[in-house]
Amino acid sequence: MLLLAVVVVSGVATAGPPPAYFVDQSKLPFDALPNTTTARYFGVHGGAGYRIEVPANWNGDLVLYAHGFRGTGLELTVTNPRIRQWLVTHGYAWGASSFATNGYDVKQGVKDTHALGELFNGLVGNPRRTYLTGHSMGGHITGVAIEQYPQAFVGALPMCGVMGDNDLFNYYLDFNLVAEELAGVQAQFPFPANYQTAVVPGVKAALGTPYPFVLNAQGLKLFGVTQNISGGPRPAFATSFAAWGNFLFTVGTTGTGDIGVAPGNVQDNSTRVYQIDSDPALSPDEIVLNANVLRVTQDPQGRHPNGLSNIPPILANFGIPVVTLHTIGDLFVPLSMEQIYAQRAIAQGTSGRLVQRAIRDHNHCGFVVPEEEAAFAALVNWVTNGAKPDGDDILTPSAVVDPKFGCKFSLPGHPVPLSGIPIPFPACP
């Protein structure tokens, strides 16, 4: 028998001013997958749209999914997990929230995802176990939620996540200020309102023509710095840089550095030491670069060391199994995010509960669905049977630079980079 539970199915629900976020409730209903029988719940809870699906053969476990950055529009939308087919056919219930706000509001995402789990208890029943997963900003939400609600979840799968929290925005600052310095352009912070039209074209022209496909000596220095701040030398980085070299001028360069959610600037490069090559000893060029690049210091009210304020930090202080996935050619949310998370886990004494997997792709969240399914299945096996899965060494430079890095868990079917460069990731040797 097909079961369908409906909560608030028509009209527009407002999430409260200001600003006037809203959920178009006509977009909330969703059909069962072919050859599946499920109960489906949808509606608005606490200003956030949601979907819940429970298979007829529910195994008692729930998977909550946190979506990525939606931009700053006012419409709030729900995304089904990409592993929905696997979850339903294996008996797992799942739930996903739109969150009650857009923007880079991790705090709201954490609170609304946790609230959805509590709503599930009332609509369906208390699950035996609850897992948490998410992409990109949803990975950040996952990393924070398992620390803020340590008893709520048994396992977590953050994918392409902002696991270094504020350091992502430092990375955007690093790229742009270094590019300006290498191009001989006087940098300003905050970046001027006409940065994209009046400044960036001249910076690019000074780094190579056509940038980023042809780099001169100064452009090659930017290439080296970007490689080091994004995770270190690794396979096919030249293609990654070509795919992302233009895009990186467009992020973290508007406003006053508050990322739209903090009461002050969160970006900081005051202590960053920039390296062009892989030698930790500073070369003459590196000494000049570090001496002359514009230095920016965060505002005291911009960051908080813990809790859910502003851009919530991830401390890696977790007591449950965590498996992460990250593409090694992603320069939007780079591999360095995972390295920061791994280093924090070592400092916290939680590294034994962390497994990280590298995937060979240049795109942000550029996984094929079977890679996500395999990672989640491995997480479940770890939680239920105590079998810790294999992962990749992402901290040892010799392992990361190895031509086979990322081969262990990468599966066929990856597209070419988002920029349209017709160069797929090289096959594993």
Protein backbone atom coordinates (compact mmCIF):
# COMPACT_ATOMS: atom_id res chain seq x y z
CA MET A 1 0.00 0.00 0.00
CA LEU A 2 1.33 3.45 -0.93
CA LEU A 3 1.36 5.80 2.02
CA LEU A 4 1.49 9.56 1.60
CA ALA A 5 1.51 12.00 4.48
CA VAL A 6 1.00 15.63 3.59
CA VAL A 7 1.52 18.66 5.80
CA VAL A 8 0.73 22.13 4.33
CA VAL A 9 0.76 21.44 0.60
CA SER A 10 -0.33 24.62 -1.14
CA GLY A 11 0.32 28.33 -1.15
CA VAL A 12 3.35 30.24 0.04
CA ALA A 13 4.57 30.18 3.62
CA THR A 14 6.66 33.07 4.82
CA ALA A 15 9.56 32.50 7.15
CA GLY A 16 9.31 35.87 8.84
CA PRO A 17 10.93 39.28 8.24
CA PRO A 18 13.48 40.53 7.60
CA PRO A 19 14.30 39.54 4.90
CA ALA A 20 11.13 37.96 3.50
CA TYR A 21 12.30 34.40 2.99
CA PHE A 22 9.55 32.12 1.71
CA VAL A 23 8.81 28.52 0.81
CA ASP A 24 6.79 27.79 -2.35
CA GLN A 25 4.82 24.88 -0.97
CA SER A 26 3.71 23.74 -4.40
CA LYS A 27 7.31 22.55 -4.92
CA LEU A 28 7.43 20.41 -1.78
CA PRO A 29 5.45 17.32 -2.89
CA PHE A 30 7.60 14.60 -4.42
CA ASP A 31 6.91 11.20 -5.94
CA ALA A 32 8.18 7.84 -4.84
CA LEU A 33 11.02 6.37 -6.88
CA PRO A 34 10.05 3.68 -9.38
CA ASN A 35 9.47 0.27 -7.81
CA THR A 36 9.52 1.63 -4.25
CA THR A 37 6.77 2.02 -1.65
CA THR A 38 7.26 4.87 0.76
CA ALA A 39 5.46 7.28 3.05
CA ARG A 40 6.37 10.84 2.12
CA TYR A 41 5.94 13.83 4.39
CA PHE A 42 6.49 17.44 3.41
CA GLY A 43 5.63 20.87 4.71
CA VAL A 44 7.02 23.88 6.56
CA HIS A 45 8.43 23.69 10.07
CA GLY A 46 9.93 26.66 11.87
CA GLY A 47 10.04 28.65 8.64
CA ALA A 48 11.93 25.91 6.76
CA GLY A 49 10.56 23.63 4.08
CA TYR A 50 11.20 19.93 4.57
CA ARG A 51 10.81 16.52 3.01
CA ILE A 52 10.83 13.17 4.79
CA GLU A 53 10.63 9.74 3.16
CA VAL A 54 10.13 6.45 4.98
CA PRO A 55 10.27 3.16 3.07
CA ALA A 56 7.62 0.52 3.76
CA ASN A 57 10.43 -1.79 4.92
CA TRP A 58 11.97 0.87 7.17
CA ASN A 59 14.92 -0.56 9.08
CA GLY A 60 14.51 1.94 11.92
CA ASP A 61 17.42 4.21 10.92
CA LEU A 62 17.18 7.85 9.79
CA VAL A 63 19.56 9.84 7.58
CA LEU A 64 19.38 13.65 7.75
CA TYR A 65 20.77 15.58 4.79
CA ALA A 66 22.10 19.17 4.86
CA HIS A 67 22.25 21.02 1.54
CA GLY A 68 24.98 23.36 0.30
CA PHE A 69 25.14 27.13 -0.22
CA ARG A 70 22.02 28.44 -1.98
CA GLY A 71 23.13 32.00 -2.69
CA THR A 72 21.28 34.93 -1.18
CA GLY A 73 17.88 34.64 -2.86
CA LEU A 74 14.70 34.71 -0.82
CA GLU A 75 13.11 31.43 -1.92
CA LEU A 76 13.93 28.47 0.32
CA THR A 77 14.13 25.10 -1.42
CA VAL A 78 14.65 21.47 -0.40
CA THR A 79 17.12 19.11 -2.05
CA ASN A 80 16.79 15.33 -1.93
CA PRO A 81 19.99 13.45 -1.05
CA ARG A 82 21.83 12.14 -4.09
CA ILE A 83 21.97 8.69 -2.45
CA ARG A 84 18.18 8.61 -2.05
CA GLN A 85 17.78 5.49 -4.24
CA TRP A 86 20.34 3.58 -2.15
CA LEU A 87 18.80 4.74 1.12
CA VAL A 88 15.24 3.80 0.24
CA THR A 89 16.11 0.43 -1.28
CA HIS A 90 18.18 -0.44 1.79
CA GLY A 91 15.40 0.50 4.20
CA TYR A 92 16.62 3.90 5.46
CA ALA A 93 14.34 6.85 6.11
CA TRP A 94 15.69 10.27 5.20
CA GLY A 95 14.86 13.90 5.86
CA ALA A 96 16.05 17.16 4.33
CA SER A 97 15.41 20.79 5.28
CA SER A 98 15.53 23.97 3.21
CA PHE A 99 16.69 25.85 6.34
CA ALA A 100 14.82 29.02 7.28
CA THR A 101 17.39 31.32 5.66
CA ASN A 102 19.75 31.39 2.70
CA GLY A 103 23.26 32.80 2.59
CA TYR A 104 26.20 31.20 4.39
CA ASP A 105 24.13 30.65 7.51
CA VAL A 106 25.60 27.50 9.04
CA LYS A 107 24.05 28.27 12.41
CA GLN A 108 20.55 28.16 10.95
CA GLY A 109 21.34 25.01 9.00
CA VAL A 110 22.51 23.24 12.14
CA LYS A 111 19.45 24.26 14.14
CA ASP A 112 16.95 23.43 11.38
CA THR A 113 18.50 20.07 10.57
CA HIS A 114 18.42 19.08 14.24
CA ALA A 115 14.84 20.36 14.50
CA LEU A 116 13.87 18.19 11.53
CA GLY A 117 15.13 15.15 13.40
CA GLU A 118 12.88 16.06 16.31
CA LEU A 119 9.94 16.61 13.95
CA PHE A 120 10.56 13.13 12.54
CA ASN A 121 10.10 11.72 16.03
CA GLY A 122 6.61 13.18 16.16
CA LEU A 123 5.54 12.38 12.60
CA VAL A 124 7.03 8.90 12.26
CA GLY A 125 8.57 7.72 15.51
CA ASN A 126 11.92 7.67 17.25
CA PRO A 127 14.57 6.20 14.98
CA ARG A 128 16.93 3.53 16.21
CA ARG A 129 19.93 5.45 14.85
CA THR A 130 20.35 8.83 13.14
CA TYR A 131 23.11 9.59 10.64
CA LEU A 132 24.01 13.03 9.29
CA THR A 133 25.41 13.89 5.87
CA GLY A 134 25.74 16.98 3.68
CA HIS A 135 27.53 18.62 0.76
CA SER A 136 29.74 21.73 0.82
CA MET A 137 28.20 24.18 3.34
CA GLY A 138 26.16 21.15 4.36
CA GLY A 139 29.45 19.47 5.23
CA HIS A 140 30.26 22.44 7.46
CA ILE A 141 26.81 22.05 9.03
CA THR A 142 27.48 18.34 9.55
CA GLY A 143 30.83 18.99 11.21
CA VAL A 144 29.32 21.54 13.59
CA ALA A 145 26.12 19.62 14.36
CA ILE A 146 27.87 16.47 15.55
CA GLU A 147 29.76 18.62 18.07
CA GLN A 148 26.81 20.76 19.17
CA TYR A 149 24.47 17.75 19.50
CA PRO A 150 26.87 14.94 20.44
CA GLN A 151 24.11 12.51 21.47
CA ALA A 152 21.93 13.01 18.40
CA PHE A 153 23.95 11.16 15.75
CA VAL A 154 25.76 7.84 15.45
CA GLY A 155 27.79 8.60 12.30
CA ALA A 156 28.48 11.41 9.86
CA LEU A 157 29.41 11.77 6.19
CA PRO A 158 30.41 15.35 5.29
CA MET A 159 31.20 15.58 1.57
CA CYS A 160 33.21 18.35 -0.15
CA GLY A 161 32.73 20.11 3.16
CA VAL A 162 34.00 23.43 4.48
CA MET A 163 35.73 21.53 7.25
CA GLY A 164 38.17 24.37 7.93
CA ASP A 165 35.32 26.84 8.60
CA ASN A 166 36.70 30.42 8.49
CA ASP A 167 39.90 29.29 6.78
CA LEU A 168 37.96 28.93 3.54
CA PHE A 169 37.41 32.69 3.49
CA ASN A 170 41.06 33.28 4.39
CA TYR A 171 41.94 31.19 1.33
CA TYR A 172 39.87 33.43 -0.96
CA LEU A 173 41.56 36.46 0.57
CA ASP A 174 45.00 34.89 0.11
CA PHE A 175 44.45 34.20 -3.58
CA ASN A 176 43.26 37.69 -4.46
CA LEU A 177 45.80 39.65 -2.40
CA VAL A 178 48.71 37.52 -3.66
CA ALA A 179 47.49 37.90 -7.25
CA GLU A 180 47.37 41.67 -6.88
CA GLU A 181 50.83 41.81 -5.32
CA LEU A 182 52.36 39.61 -8.03
CA ALA A 183 50.65 41.72 -10.71
CA GLY A 184 52.06 44.92 -9.24
CA VAL A 185 48.60 46.26 -8.38
CA GLN A 186 48.02 48.19 -5.15
CA ALA A 187 45.58 46.09 -3.12
CA GLN A 188 42.75 47.39 -0.97
CA PHE A 189 40.63 45.76 1.71
CA PRO A 190 37.70 45.70 1.70
CA PHE A 191 37.93 45.13 -2.03
CA PRO A 192 36.50 48.06 -4.01
CA ALA A 193 32.97 47.76 -5.37
CA ASN A 194 34.32 47.80 -8.93
CA TYR A 195 36.97 45.15 -8.23
CA GLN A 196 35.70 42.76 -10.91
CA THR A 197 35.53 45.36 -13.68
CA ALA A 198 38.28 47.84 -12.82
CA VAL A 199 40.95 45.75 -11.07
CA VAL A 200 40.75 42.07 -12.04
CA PRO A 201 41.24 42.48 -15.81
CA GLY A 202 44.54 44.27 -15.25
CA VAL A 203 45.68 41.70 -12.69
CA LYS A 204 44.98 38.84 -15.08
CA ALA A 205 46.78 40.59 -17.95
CA ALA A 206 49.86 40.97 -15.76
CA LEU A 207 49.92 37.25 -14.97
CA GLY A 208 49.75 35.80 -18.49
CA THR A 209 47.83 35.88 -21.75
CA PRO A 210 45.39 34.29 -21.96
CA TYR A 211 45.23 33.83 -18.20
CA PRO A 212 44.91 31.22 -16.64
CA PHE A 213 45.88 28.98 -19.57
CA VAL A 214 49.18 30.70 -20.30
CA LEU A 215 51.15 31.99 -17.33
CA ASN A 216 54.20 34.23 -17.29
CA ALA A 217 56.79 34.22 -14.50
CA GLN A 218 54.49 36.12 -12.12
CA GLY A 219 51.53 33.93 -13.04
CA LEU A 220 53.57 30.84 -12.27
CA LYS A 221 54.25 32.24 -8.81
CA LEU A 222 50.50 32.60 -8.25
CA PHE A 223 50.09 29.03 -9.49
CA GLY A 224 52.63 27.85 -6.91
CA VAL A 225 51.09 29.77 -4.02
CA THR A 226 47.59 28.56 -4.92
CA GLN A 227 48.79 24.97 -5.07
CA ASN A 228 50.31 25.24 -1.61
CA ILE A 229 47.41 27.00 0.11
CA SER A 230 44.86 24.61 -1.43
CA GLY A 231 46.40 21.31 -0.34
CA GLY A 232 49.90 21.03 -1.77
CA PRO A 233 51.30 19.51 -4.98
CA ARG A 234 48.96 16.78 -6.24
CA PRO A 235 47.98 15.06 -9.49
CA ALA A 236 46.67 17.20 -12.38
CA PHE A 237 46.87 20.47 -10.47
CA ALA A 238 47.65 22.36 -13.68
CA THR A 239 44.21 21.44 -15.01
CA SER A 240 42.60 22.33 -11.70
CA PHE A 241 44.18 25.78 -11.82
CA ALA A 242 43.07 26.32 -15.41
CA ALA A 243 39.53 25.31 -14.45
CA TRP A 244 39.30 27.56 -11.37
CA GLY A 245 41.81 30.38 -11.99
CA ASN A 246 39.17 32.85 -13.18
CA PHE A 247 36.50 31.88 -10.67
CA LEU A 248 38.74 32.53 -7.67
CA PHE A 249 38.68 36.25 -8.44
CA THR A 250 34.91 36.25 -7.83
CA VAL A 251 34.65 34.80 -4.31
CA GLY A 252 35.35 36.46 -0.99
CA THR A 253 35.82 39.85 -2.65
CA THR A 254 32.53 41.63 -1.91
CA GLY A 255 31.30 43.45 1.15
CA THR A 256 33.36 44.04 4.27
CA GLY A 257 34.55 40.48 4.89
CA ASP A 258 31.59 39.56 7.09
CA ILE A 259 30.36 36.88 4.61
CA GLY A 260 26.87 38.22 5.25
CA VAL A 261 26.47 36.57 8.67
CA ALA A 262 29.05 38.06 11.04
CA PRO A 263 29.12 41.48 12.76
CA GLY A 264 32.64 42.11 11.47
CA ASN A 265 35.37 40.93 9.12
CA VAL A 266 36.24 37.22 9.42
CA GLN A 267 39.02 37.19 6.81
CA ASP A 268 42.62 37.21 7.96
CA ASN A 269 46.05 36.67 6.43
CA SER A 270 48.05 38.41 9.14
CA THR A 271 50.14 35.34 9.98
CA ARG A 272 50.06 33.49 6.65
CA VAL A 273 53.47 32.59 5.22
CA TYR A 274 53.19 32.26 1.46
CA GLN A 275 55.27 29.61 -0.29
CA ILE A 276 55.75 29.53 -4.04
CA ASP A 277 57.64 26.24 -4.16
CA SER A 278 57.71 23.10 -2.00
CA ASP A 279 60.85 24.04 -0.08
CA PRO A 280 59.87 25.28 3.41
CA ALA A 281 62.89 27.58 3.43
CA LEU A 282 61.88 30.98 2.08
CA SER A 283 63.38 31.87 -1.29
CA PRO A 284 64.21 35.50 -2.17
CA ASP A 285 60.97 35.75 -4.17
CA GLU A 286 58.98 34.40 -1.23
CA ILE A 287 60.63 36.83 1.17
CA VAL A 288 59.66 39.74 -1.10
CA LEU A 289 56.09 38.45 -1.53
CA ASN A 290 55.52 37.98 2.20
CA ALA A 291 57.00 41.39 2.98
CA ASN A 292 54.88 43.28 0.46
CA VAL A 293 51.48 41.55 0.29
CA LEU A 294 48.68 43.48 1.96
CA ARG A 295 47.94 42.09 5.43
CA VAL A 296 44.39 41.94 6.77
CA THR A 297 43.39 41.17 10.36
CA GLN A 298 39.99 39.87 11.40
CA ASP A 299 37.77 42.07 13.52
CA PRO A 300 37.54 40.98 17.18
CA GLN A 301 33.79 40.48 16.85
CA GLY A 302 34.12 38.65 13.53
CA ARG A 303 34.86 35.19 14.88
CA HIS A 304 34.01 33.14 17.92
CA PRO A 305 36.13 30.19 19.10
CA ASN A 306 33.14 27.91 19.70
CA GLY A 307 29.38 27.71 19.61
CA LEU A 308 26.93 28.67 16.86
CA SER A 309 27.68 32.39 16.43
CA ASN A 310 28.70 33.99 13.14
CA ILE A 311 30.51 31.32 11.09
CA PRO A 312 30.55 28.43 13.57
CA PRO A 313 33.94 26.77 14.05
CA ILE A 314 34.57 23.06 13.64
CA LEU A 315 36.82 21.84 16.43
CA ALA A 316 36.98 18.16 15.33
CA ASN A 317 35.86 17.24 18.83
CA PHE A 318 33.51 14.38 17.94
CA GLY A 319 32.77 11.02 19.51
CA ILE A 320 31.27 9.14 16.55
CA PRO A 321 32.63 7.63 13.32
CA VAL A 322 33.11 10.23 10.58
CA VAL A 323 33.89 9.51 6.92
CA THR A 324 34.61 12.40 4.55
CA LEU A 325 34.82 12.66 0.76
CA HIS A 326 36.66 15.39 -1.15
CA THR A 327 37.72 15.88 -4.77
CA ILE A 328 41.39 16.70 -5.05
CA GLY A 329 41.04 19.21 -7.91
CA ASP A 330 38.35 21.35 -6.26
CA LEU A 331 39.69 24.87 -5.78
CA PHE A 332 36.37 26.39 -4.64
CA VAL A 333 36.37 24.38 -1.39
CA PRO A 334 39.86 22.92 -1.62
CA LEU A 335 41.47 19.78 -0.22
CA SER A 336 43.16 21.92 2.43
CA MET A 337 39.80 21.98 4.24
CA GLU A 338 40.18 18.25 4.87
CA GLN A 339 43.78 18.66 5.93
CA ILE A 340 42.79 21.28 8.49
CA TYR A 341 40.08 18.94 9.80
CA ALA A 342 42.55 16.07 10.03
CA GLN A 343 45.08 18.22 11.91
CA ARG A 344 42.42 19.39 14.35
CA ALA A 345 41.32 15.79 14.92
CA ILE A 346 44.91 14.85 15.79
CA ALA A 347 45.06 17.75 18.24
CA GLN A 348 41.73 16.70 19.81
CA GLY A 349 42.66 13.02 19.99
CA THR A 350 39.75 12.07 17.69
CA SER A 351 41.70 11.05 14.57
CA GLY A 352 40.97 7.39 15.25
CA ARG A 353 37.32 8.13 14.51
CA LEU A 354 38.02 9.93 11.22
CA VAL A 355 38.43 8.37 7.76
CA GLN A 356 38.98 10.60 4.72
CA ARG A 357 38.70 9.62 1.07
CA ALA A 358 40.14 11.51 -1.90
CA ILE A 359 38.36 11.43 -5.26
CA ARG A 360 39.98 12.28 -8.61
CA ASP A 361 37.88 15.10 -10.03
CA HIS A 362 38.32 18.84 -10.64
CA ASN A 363 34.74 19.84 -9.82
CA HIS A 364 33.33 21.00 -6.50
CA CYS A 365 31.40 18.04 -5.05
CA GLY A 366 32.21 16.25 -8.31
CA PHE A 367 31.43 12.76 -7.06
CA VAL A 368 29.59 10.07 -8.94
CA VAL A 369 26.72 8.73 -6.88
CA PRO A 370 28.25 5.25 -6.40
CA GLU A 371 31.22 6.88 -4.62
CA GLU A 372 28.84 8.51 -2.15
CA GLU A 373 26.89 5.27 -1.72
CA ALA A 374 30.08 3.32 -1.05
CA ALA A 375 31.20 5.86 1.54
CA PHE A 376 27.86 5.78 3.33
CA ALA A 377 27.76 1.98 3.31
CA ALA A 378 31.27 1.94 4.78
CA LEU A 379 30.17 4.38 7.49
CA VAL A 380 27.18 2.19 8.39
CA ASN A 381 29.36 -0.89 8.58
CA TRP A 382 31.73 0.97 10.87
CA VAL A 383 28.89 2.11 13.15
CA THR A 384 27.04 -1.21 13.30
CA ASN A 385 29.88 -3.73 13.08
CA GLY A 386 32.91 -1.80 14.31
CA ALA A 387 34.74 -2.31 11.00
CA LYS A 388 36.72 0.89 10.41
CA PRO A 389 36.92 1.48 6.64
CA ASP A 390 39.96 2.34 4.57
CA GLY A 391 40.78 5.92 3.69
CA ASP A 392 43.51 8.05 2.15
CA ASP A 393 46.51 9.71 3.77
CA ILE A 394 45.87 13.38 2.97
CA LEU A 395 48.48 14.86 5.32
CA THR A 396 51.73 13.28 4.10
CA PRO A 397 53.03 15.34 1.14
CA SER A 398 54.62 12.32 -0.55
CA ALA A 399 51.26 10.52 -0.47
CA VAL A 400 49.34 13.52 -1.84
CA VAL A 401 51.77 14.16 -4.71
CA ASP A 402 51.84 10.50 -5.74
CA PRO A 403 50.39 10.05 -9.27
CA LYS A 404 48.04 7.41 -7.81
CA PHE A 405 46.60 9.73 -5.14
CA GLY A 406 42.82 9.42 -5.17
CA CYS A 407 42.76 6.20 -7.18
CA LYS A 408 41.65 3.92 -4.34
CA PHE A 409 38.06 5.18 -4.09
CA SER A 410 37.46 6.91 -7.45
CA LEU A 411 34.98 5.23 -9.79
CA PRO A 412 34.27 5.74 -13.51
CA GLY A 413 31.84 8.34 -14.83
CA HIS A 414 33.36 11.69 -13.87
CA PRO A 415 32.65 14.65 -16.19
CA VAL A 416 35.15 17.20 -17.48
CA PRO A 417 35.75 20.31 -15.32
CA LEU A 418 32.97 22.85 -14.93
CA SER A 419 34.89 25.41 -16.98
CA GLY A 420 34.38 23.20 -20.01
CA ILE A 421 38.08 22.45 -20.41
CA PRO A 422 37.91 19.15 -22.33
CA ILE A 423 40.48 17.44 -20.11
CA PRO A 424 39.10 14.80 -17.74
CA PHE A 425 41.12 13.74 -14.74
CA PRO A 426 43.93 11.43 -15.90
CA ALA A 427 43.39 7.72 -15.53
CA CYS A 428 45.08 6.07 -12.61
CA PRO A 429 48.54 4.73 -13.49
